[in-house]
Amino acid sequence: MVVSRQALIDSRFATVVCAPIYSRGDRLSTQVPVGPDQGLKHDSCIMCDNLVSIQKVRLRDYVGSLTGSLASQLNRTLRSALDLL
């Protein structure tokens, strides 16, 4: 699973930059915990240190979304992982 922006998914570009989601995390400051409250089947982590570019055709199934404070936490974590603070 991956996290990406809807605006980019809807764009004319063939690829999107995504943050992968894994079912196991290491409690690093560059990981954001997510789970059933966000639509996932089990507790997982968004890995902001492992951004990847993938073809949009590989994004097939919508799973869930981030809102409110968790979306803000992901934004802060991405800035930290990319050293943009």
PDB file of N, CA and C in Angstrom:
ATOM      1  N   MET A   1       0.827  -1.181   0.000  1.00  0.00           N
ATOM      2  CA  MET A   1       0.000   0.000   0.000  1.00  0.00           C
ATOM      3  C   MET A   1       0.869   1.241   0.000  1.00  0.00           C
ATOM      4  N   VAL A   2       0.325   2.317  -0.518  1.00  0.00           N
ATOM      5  CA  VAL A   2       1.052   3.574  -0.574  1.00  0.00           C
ATOM      6  C   VAL A   2       0.128   4.741  -0.259  1.00  0.00           C
ATOM      7  N   VAL A   3       0.750   5.863   0.091  1.00  0.00           N
ATOM      8  CA  VAL A   3       0.036   7.113   0.307  1.00  0.00           C
ATOM      9  C   VAL A   3       0.449   8.078  -0.797  1.00  0.00           C
ATOM     10  N   SER A   4      -0.513   8.728  -1.421  1.00  0.00           N
ATOM     11  CA  SER A   4      -0.222   9.735  -2.431  1.00  0.00           C
ATOM     12  C   SER A   4      -1.305  10.804  -2.375  1.00  0.00           C
ATOM     13  N   ARG A   5      -1.111  11.899  -3.151  1.00  0.00           N
ATOM     14  CA  ARG A   5      -2.086  12.992  -3.194  1.00  0.00           C
ATOM     15  C   ARG A   5      -3.074  12.773  -4.318  1.00  0.00           C
ATOM     16  N   GLN A   6      -4.350  13.049  -4.043  1.00  0.00           N
ATOM     17  CA  GLN A   6      -5.378  12.876  -5.049  1.00  0.00           C
ATOM     18  C   GLN A   6      -5.135  13.774  -6.261  1.00  0.00           C
ATOM     19  N   ALA A   7      -4.689  15.002  -6.034  1.00  0.00           N
ATOM     20  CA  ALA A   7      -4.445  15.923  -7.157  1.00  0.00           C
ATOM     21  C   ALA A   7      -3.420  15.353  -8.125  1.00  0.00           C
ATOM     22  N   LEU A   8      -2.398  14.688  -7.609  1.00  0.00           N
ATOM     23  CA  LEU A   8      -1.395  14.096  -8.489  1.00  0.00           C
ATOM     24  C   LEU A   8      -1.939  12.849  -9.176  1.00  0.00           C
ATOM     25  N   ILE A   9      -2.724  12.083  -8.458  1.00  0.00           N
ATOM     26  CA  ILE A   9      -3.332  10.891  -9.059  1.00  0.00           C
ATOM     27  C   ILE A   9      -4.239  11.294 -10.221  1.00  0.00           C
ATOM     28  N   ASP A  10      -4.951  12.410 -10.072  1.00  0.00           N
ATOM     29  CA  ASP A  10      -5.859  12.896 -11.112  1.00  0.00           C
ATOM     30  C   ASP A  10      -5.143  13.645 -12.237  1.00  0.00           C
ATOM     31  N   SER A  11      -3.864  13.897 -12.108  1.00  0.00           N
ATOM     32  CA  SER A  11      -3.130  14.692 -13.095  1.00  0.00           C
ATOM     33  C   SER A  11      -2.830  13.892 -14.368  1.00  0.00           C
ATOM     34  N   ARG A  12      -2.230  14.562 -15.335  1.00  0.00           N
ATOM     35  CA  ARG A  12      -1.866  13.922 -16.603  1.00  0.00           C
ATOM     36  C   ARG A  12      -0.554  13.151 -16.502  1.00  0.00           C
ATOM     37  N   PHE A  13       0.165  13.288 -15.379  1.00  0.00           N
ATOM     38  CA  PHE A  13       1.446  12.609 -15.227  1.00  0.00           C
ATOM     39  C   PHE A  13       1.253  11.101 -15.114  1.00  0.00           C
ATOM     40  N   ALA A  14       2.214  10.348 -15.624  1.00  0.00           N
ATOM     41  CA  ALA A  14       2.120   8.887 -15.629  1.00  0.00           C
ATOM     42  C   ALA A  14       2.550   8.258 -14.310  1.00  0.00           C
ATOM     43  N   THR A  15       3.313   9.014 -13.506  1.00  0.00           N
ATOM     44  CA  THR A  15       3.814   8.463 -12.245  1.00  0.00           C
ATOM     45  C   THR A  15       3.432   9.368 -11.082  1.00  0.00           C
ATOM     46  N   VAL A  16       3.465   8.803  -9.890  1.00  0.00           N
ATOM     47  CA  VAL A  16       3.209   9.557  -8.668  1.00  0.00           C
ATOM     48  C   VAL A  16       4.287   9.207  -7.643  1.00  0.00           C
ATOM     49  N   VAL A  17       4.603  10.159  -6.772  1.00  0.00           N
ATOM     50  CA  VAL A  17       5.520   9.898  -5.663  1.00  0.00           C
ATOM     51  C   VAL A  17       4.674   9.450  -4.483  1.00  0.00           C
ATOM     52  N   CYS A  18       5.051   8.336  -3.897  1.00  0.00           N
ATOM     53  CA  CYS A  18       4.252   7.734  -2.828  1.00  0.00           C
ATOM     54  C   CYS A  18       5.109   7.381  -1.625  1.00  0.00           C
ATOM     55  N   ALA A  19       4.459   7.352  -0.489  1.00  0.00           N
ATOM     56  CA  ALA A  19       5.081   6.848   0.733  1.00  0.00           C
ATOM     57  C   ALA A  19       4.498   5.458   0.978  1.00  0.00           C
ATOM     58  N   PRO A  20       5.319   4.424   0.969  1.00  0.00           N
ATOM     59  CA  PRO A  20       4.796   3.074   1.172  1.00  0.00           C
ATOM     60  C   PRO A  20       4.311   2.864   2.607  1.00  0.00           C
ATOM     61  N   ILE A  21       3.365   1.966   2.738  1.00  0.00           N
ATOM     62  CA  ILE A  21       2.824   1.600   4.043  1.00  0.00           C
ATOM     63  C   ILE A  21       3.146   0.133   4.288  1.00  0.00           C
ATOM     64  N   TYR A  22       3.760  -0.135   5.422  1.00  0.00           N
ATOM     65  CA  TYR A  22       4.132  -1.508   5.787  1.00  0.00           C
ATOM     66  C   TYR A  22       3.438  -1.906   7.080  1.00  0.00           C
ATOM     67  N   SER A  23       3.198  -3.184   7.242  1.00  0.00           N
ATOM     68  CA  SER A  23       2.519  -3.667   8.444  1.00  0.00           C
ATOM     69  C   SER A  23       3.447  -3.697   9.660  1.00  0.00           C
ATOM     70  N   ARG A  24       4.733  -3.499   9.436  1.00  0.00           N
ATOM     71  CA  ARG A  24       5.679  -3.491  10.550  1.00  0.00           C
ATOM     72  C   ARG A  24       6.447  -2.175  10.527  1.00  0.00           C
ATOM     73  N   GLY A  25       6.603  -1.578  11.700  1.00  0.00           N
ATOM     74  CA  GLY A  25       7.377  -0.351  11.816  1.00  0.00           C
ATOM     75  C   GLY A  25       8.457  -0.493  12.859  1.00  0.00           C
ATOM     76  N   ASP A  26       9.369   0.447  12.876  1.00  0.00           N
ATOM     77  CA  ASP A  26      10.482   0.417  13.817  1.00  0.00           C
ATOM     78  C   ASP A  26      10.431   1.575  14.807  1.00  0.00           C
ATOM     79  N   ARG A  27       9.288   2.265  14.876  1.00  0.00           N
ATOM     80  CA  ARG A  27       9.094   3.400  15.778  1.00  0.00           C
ATOM     81  C   ARG A  27      10.093   4.527  15.518  1.00  0.00           C
ATOM     82  N   LEU A  28      10.457   4.724  14.257  1.00  0.00           N
ATOM     83  CA  LEU A  28      11.345   5.812  13.885  1.00  0.00           C
ATOM     84  C   LEU A  28      10.546   7.107  13.790  1.00  0.00           C
ATOM     85  N   SER A  29      11.223   8.226  13.940  1.00  0.00           N
ATOM     86  CA  SER A  29      10.544   9.520  13.854  1.00  0.00           C
ATOM     87  C   SER A  29      10.057   9.818  12.440  1.00  0.00           C
ATOM     88  N   THR A  30      10.494   9.052  11.468  1.00  0.00           N
ATOM     89  CA  THR A  30      10.090   9.249  10.076  1.00  0.00           C
ATOM     90  C   THR A  30       9.009   8.255   9.654  1.00  0.00           C
ATOM     91  N   GLN A  31       8.355   7.633  10.616  1.00  0.00           N
ATOM     92  CA  GLN A  31       7.249   6.717  10.352  1.00  0.00           C
ATOM     93  C   GLN A  31       5.991   7.238  11.038  1.00  0.00           C
ATOM     94  N   VAL A  32       4.869   7.103  10.365  1.00  0.00           N
ATOM     95  CA  VAL A  32       3.589   7.550  10.910  1.00  0.00           C
ATOM     96  C   VAL A  32       2.694   6.328  11.091  1.00  0.00           C
ATOM     97  N   PRO A  33       2.294   6.046  12.338  1.00  0.00           N
ATOM     98  CA  PRO A  33       1.417   4.893  12.563  1.00  0.00           C
ATOM     99  C   PRO A  33       0.001   5.158  12.046  1.00  0.00           C
ATOM    100  N   VAL A  34      -0.566   4.172  11.365  1.00  0.00           N
ATOM    101  CA  VAL A  34      -1.937   4.220  10.855  1.00  0.00           C
ATOM    102  C   VAL A  34      -2.577   2.857  11.093  1.00  0.00           C
ATOM    103  N   GLY A  35      -3.862   2.765  10.869  1.00  0.00           N
ATOM    104  CA  GLY A  35      -4.523   1.485  11.104  1.00  0.00           C
ATOM    105  C   GLY A  35      -5.974   1.470  10.673  1.00  0.00           C
ATOM    106  N   PRO A  36      -6.783   0.661  11.346  1.00  0.00           N
ATOM    107  CA  PRO A  36      -8.193   0.513  10.979  1.00  0.00           C
ATOM    108  C   PRO A  36      -8.981   1.823  10.955  1.00  0.00           C
ATOM    109  N   ASP A  37      -8.633   2.774  11.796  1.00  0.00           N
ATOM    110  CA  ASP A  37      -9.337   4.064  11.795  1.00  0.00           C
ATOM    111  C   ASP A  37      -9.153   4.816  10.479  1.00  0.00           C
ATOM    112  N   GLN A  38      -8.108   4.483   9.724  1.00  0.00           N
ATOM    113  CA  GLN A  38      -7.848   5.123   8.435  1.00  0.00           C
ATOM    114  C   GLN A  38      -8.290   4.228   7.266  1.00  0.00           C
ATOM    115  N   GLY A  39      -8.896   3.093   7.548  1.00  0.00           N
ATOM    116  CA  GLY A  39      -9.397   2.206   6.509  1.00  0.00           C
ATOM    117  C   GLY A  39      -8.539   0.983   6.250  1.00  0.00           C
ATOM    118  N   LEU A  40      -7.418   0.853   6.956  1.00  0.00           N
ATOM    119  CA  LEU A  40      -6.543  -0.301   6.757  1.00  0.00           C
ATOM    120  C   LEU A  40      -7.063  -1.508   7.531  1.00  0.00           C
ATOM    121  N   LYS A  41      -6.626  -2.695   7.150  1.00  0.00           N
ATOM    122  CA  LYS A  41      -7.075  -3.915   7.814  1.00  0.00           C
ATOM    123  C   LYS A  41      -6.431  -4.105   9.182  1.00  0.00           C
ATOM    124  N   HIS A  42      -5.192  -3.578   9.356  1.00  0.00           N
ATOM    125  CA  HIS A  42      -4.486  -3.754  10.626  1.00  0.00           C
ATOM    126  C   HIS A  42      -3.521  -2.594  10.838  1.00  0.00           C
ATOM    127  N   ASP A  43      -2.958  -2.509  12.019  1.00  0.00           N
ATOM    128  CA  ASP A  43      -2.006  -1.448  12.331  1.00  0.00           C
ATOM    129  C   ASP A  43      -0.812  -1.533  11.386  1.00  0.00           C
ATOM    130  N   SER A  44      -0.378  -0.376  10.915  1.00  0.00           N
ATOM    131  CA  SER A  44       0.709  -0.286   9.939  1.00  0.00           C
ATOM    132  C   SER A  44       1.469   1.011  10.152  1.00  0.00           C
ATOM    133  N   CYS A  45       2.483   1.269   9.320  1.00  0.00           N
ATOM    134  CA  CYS A  45       3.258   2.512   9.386  1.00  0.00           C
ATOM    135  C   CYS A  45       3.505   3.050   7.985  1.00  0.00           C
ATOM    136  N   ILE A  46       3.343   4.371   7.843  1.00  0.00           N
ATOM    137  CA  ILE A  46       3.725   5.055   6.613  1.00  0.00           C
ATOM    138  C   ILE A  46       5.217   5.340   6.723  1.00  0.00           C
ATOM    139  N   MET A  47       5.988   4.890   5.756  1.00  0.00           N
ATOM    140  CA  MET A  47       7.441   5.019   5.790  1.00  0.00           C
ATOM    141  C   MET A  47       7.882   6.232   4.970  1.00  0.00           C
ATOM    142  N   CYS A  48       8.124   7.344   5.632  1.00  0.00           N
ATOM    143  CA  CYS A  48       8.474   8.589   4.944  1.00  0.00           C
ATOM    144  C   CYS A  48       9.930   8.640   4.498  1.00  0.00           C
ATOM    145  N   ASP A  49      10.753   7.720   4.956  1.00  0.00           N
ATOM    146  CA  ASP A  49      12.149   7.639   4.521  1.00  0.00           C
ATOM    147  C   ASP A  49      12.300   6.803   3.255  1.00  0.00           C
ATOM    148  N   ASN A  50      11.204   6.268   2.753  1.00  0.00           N
ATOM    149  CA  ASN A  50      11.284   5.320   1.643  1.00  0.00           C
ATOM    150  C   ASN A  50      10.359   5.732   0.502  1.00  0.00           C
ATOM    151  N   LEU A  51      10.356   7.031   0.149  1.00  0.00           N
ATOM    152  CA  LEU A  51       9.484   7.514  -0.917  1.00  0.00           C
ATOM    153  C   LEU A  51       9.861   6.862  -2.237  1.00  0.00           C
ATOM    154  N   VAL A  52       8.849   6.538  -3.020  1.00  0.00           N
ATOM    155  CA  VAL A  52       9.060   5.878  -4.305  1.00  0.00           C
ATOM    156  C   VAL A  52       8.200   6.535  -5.374  1.00  0.00           C
ATOM    157  N   SER A  53       8.643   6.444  -6.612  1.00  0.00           N
ATOM    158  CA  SER A  53       7.854   6.898  -7.747  1.00  0.00           C
ATOM    159  C   SER A  53       7.324   5.655  -8.439  1.00  0.00           C
ATOM    160  N   ILE A  54       5.997   5.603  -8.588  1.00  0.00           N
ATOM    161  CA  ILE A  54       5.406   4.435  -9.237  1.00  0.00           C
ATOM    162  C   ILE A  54       4.439   4.884 -10.334  1.00  0.00           C
ATOM    163  N   GLN A  55       4.170   4.001 -11.260  1.00  0.00           N
ATOM    164  CA  GLN A  55       3.217   4.287 -12.331  1.00  0.00           C
ATOM    165  C   GLN A  55       1.804   4.308 -11.756  1.00  0.00           C
ATOM    166  N   LYS A  56       1.022   5.283 -12.180  1.00  0.00           N
ATOM    167  CA  LYS A  56      -0.341   5.421 -11.664  1.00  0.00           C
ATOM    168  C   LYS A  56      -1.201   4.195 -11.952  1.00  0.00           C
ATOM    169  N   VAL A  57      -0.928   3.497 -13.036  1.00  0.00           N
ATOM    170  CA  VAL A  57      -1.740   2.315 -13.358  1.00  0.00           C
ATOM    171  C   VAL A  57      -1.607   1.226 -12.294  1.00  0.00           C
ATOM    172  N   ARG A  58      -0.558   1.306 -11.478  1.00  0.00           N
ATOM    173  CA  ARG A  58      -0.377   0.322 -10.399  1.00  0.00           C
ATOM    174  C   ARG A  58      -1.258   0.625  -9.200  1.00  0.00           C
ATOM    175  N   LEU A  59      -1.811   1.836  -9.134  1.00  0.00           N
ATOM    176  CA  LEU A  59      -2.721   2.199  -8.038  1.00  0.00           C
ATOM    177  C   LEU A  59      -4.124   1.759  -8.442  1.00  0.00           C
ATOM    178  N   ARG A  60      -4.581   0.671  -7.869  1.00  0.00           N
ATOM    179  CA  ARG A  60      -5.857   0.091  -8.296  1.00  0.00           C
ATOM    180  C   ARG A  60      -6.958   0.247  -7.265  1.00  0.00           C
ATOM    181  N   ASP A  61      -6.688  -0.036  -6.018  1.00  0.00           N
ATOM    182  CA  ASP A  61      -7.741  -0.081  -5.012  1.00  0.00           C
ATOM    183  C   ASP A  61      -7.566   1.023  -3.978  1.00  0.00           C
ATOM    184  N   TYR A  62      -8.604   1.818  -3.797  1.00  0.00           N
ATOM    185  CA  TYR A  62      -8.623   2.831  -2.748  1.00  0.00           C
ATOM    186  C   TYR A  62      -8.845   2.117  -1.420  1.00  0.00           C
ATOM    187  N   VAL A  63      -8.032   2.431  -0.415  1.00  0.00           N
ATOM    188  CA  VAL A  63      -8.136   1.743   0.863  1.00  0.00           C
ATOM    189  C   VAL A  63      -8.678   2.665   1.947  1.00  0.00           C
ATOM    190  N   GLY A  64      -8.134   3.862   2.074  1.00  0.00           N
ATOM    191  CA  GLY A  64      -8.559   4.756   3.145  1.00  0.00           C
ATOM    192  C   GLY A  64      -7.989   6.137   2.969  1.00  0.00           C
ATOM    193  N   SER A  65      -8.105   6.937   4.012  1.00  0.00           N
ATOM    194  CA  SER A  65      -7.618   8.311   3.919  1.00  0.00           C
ATOM    195  C   SER A  65      -7.142   8.815   5.268  1.00  0.00           C
ATOM    196  N   LEU A  66      -6.358   9.880   5.208  1.00  0.00           N
ATOM    197  CA  LEU A  66      -5.871  10.556   6.408  1.00  0.00           C
ATOM    198  C   LEU A  66      -6.588  11.890   6.520  1.00  0.00           C
ATOM    199  N   THR A  67      -7.016  12.225   7.702  1.00  0.00           N
ATOM    200  CA  THR A  67      -7.683  13.498   7.921  1.00  0.00           C
ATOM    201  C   THR A  67      -7.128  14.165   9.168  1.00  0.00           C
ATOM    202  N   GLY A  68      -7.405  15.448   9.282  1.00  0.00           N
ATOM    203  CA  GLY A  68      -7.099  16.199  10.492  1.00  0.00           C
ATOM    204  C   GLY A  68      -5.679  16.103  10.983  1.00  0.00           C
ATOM    205  N   SER A  69      -5.547  15.760  12.253  1.00  0.00           N
ATOM    206  CA  SER A  69      -4.233  15.780  12.896  1.00  0.00           C
ATOM    207  C   SER A  69      -3.281  14.733  12.314  1.00  0.00           C
ATOM    208  N   LEU A  70      -3.803  13.619  11.835  1.00  0.00           N
ATOM    209  CA  LEU A  70      -2.927  12.595  11.254  1.00  0.00           C
ATOM    210  C   LEU A  70      -2.354  13.068   9.925  1.00  0.00           C
ATOM    211  N   ALA A  71      -3.136  13.771   9.130  1.00  0.00           N
ATOM    212  CA  ALA A  71      -2.627  14.342   7.878  1.00  0.00           C
ATOM    213  C   ALA A  71      -1.557  15.387   8.188  1.00  0.00           C
ATOM    214  N   SER A  72      -1.775  16.193   9.219  1.00  0.00           N
ATOM    215  CA  SER A  72      -0.772  17.180   9.632  1.00  0.00           C
ATOM    216  C   SER A  72       0.494  16.499  10.131  1.00  0.00           C
ATOM    217  N   GLN A  73       0.330  15.404  10.869  1.00  0.00           N
ATOM    218  CA  GLN A  73       1.491  14.650  11.356  1.00  0.00           C
ATOM    219  C   GLN A  73       2.287  14.097  10.176  1.00  0.00           C
ATOM    220  N   LEU A  74       1.598  13.583   9.152  1.00  0.00           N
ATOM    221  CA  LEU A  74       2.295  13.069   7.964  1.00  0.00           C
ATOM    222  C   LEU A  74       3.066  14.193   7.285  1.00  0.00           C
ATOM    223  N   ASN A  75       2.468  15.371   7.165  1.00  0.00           N
ATOM    224  CA  ASN A  75       3.163  16.510   6.557  1.00  0.00           C
ATOM    225  C   ASN A  75       4.427  16.869   7.325  1.00  0.00           C
ATOM    226  N   ARG A  76       4.343  16.923   8.649  1.00  0.00           N
ATOM    227  CA  ARG A  76       5.520  17.232   9.477  1.00  0.00           C
ATOM    228  C   ARG A  76       6.587  16.154   9.334  1.00  0.00           C
ATOM    229  N   THR A  77       6.159  14.914   9.302  1.00  0.00           N
ATOM    230  CA  THR A  77       7.098  13.792   9.198  1.00  0.00           C
ATOM    231  C   THR A  77       7.798  13.802   7.842  1.00  0.00           C
ATOM    232  N   LEU A  78       7.069  14.094   6.776  1.00  0.00           N
ATOM    233  CA  LEU A  78       7.697  14.197   5.460  1.00  0.00           C
ATOM    234  C   LEU A  78       8.707  15.322   5.414  1.00  0.00           C
ATOM    235  N   ARG A  79       8.372  16.472   5.992  1.00  0.00           N
ATOM    236  CA  ARG A  79       9.338  17.594   6.030  1.00  0.00           C
ATOM    237  C   ARG A  79      10.594  17.186   6.792  1.00  0.00           C
ATOM    238  N   SER A  80      10.421  16.472   7.878  1.00  0.00           N
ATOM    239  CA  SER A  80      11.570  16.018   8.664  1.00  0.00           C
ATOM    240  C   SER A  80      12.402  14.992   7.881  1.00  0.00           C
ATOM    241  N   ALA A  81      11.735  14.030   7.260  1.00  0.00           N
ATOM    242  CA  ALA A  81      12.447  12.986   6.501  1.00  0.00           C
ATOM    243  C   ALA A  81      13.234  13.585   5.336  1.00  0.00           C
ATOM    244  N   LEU A  82      12.705  14.654   4.744  1.00  0.00           N
ATOM    245  CA  LEU A  82      13.360  15.293   3.611  1.00  0.00           C
ATOM    246  C   LEU A  82      14.264  16.457   4.042  1.00  0.00           C
ATOM    247  N   ASP A  83      14.384  16.646   5.347  1.00  0.00           N
ATOM    248  CA  ASP A  83      15.208  17.705   5.930  1.00  0.00           C
ATOM    249  C   ASP A  83      14.789  19.082   5.406  1.00  0.00           C
ATOM    250  N   LEU A  84      13.482  19.331   5.408  1.00  0.00           N
ATOM    251  CA  LEU A  84      12.928  20.593   4.925  1.00  0.00           C
ATOM    252  C   LEU A  84      12.479  21.506   6.061  1.00  0.00           C
ATOM    253  N   LEU A  85      12.805  21.173   7.281  1.00  0.00           N
ATOM    254  CA  LEU A  85      12.365  21.972   8.430  1.00  0.00           C
ATOM    255  C   LEU A  85      13.124  23.262   8.545  1.00  0.00           C
TER     256      LEU A  85
END
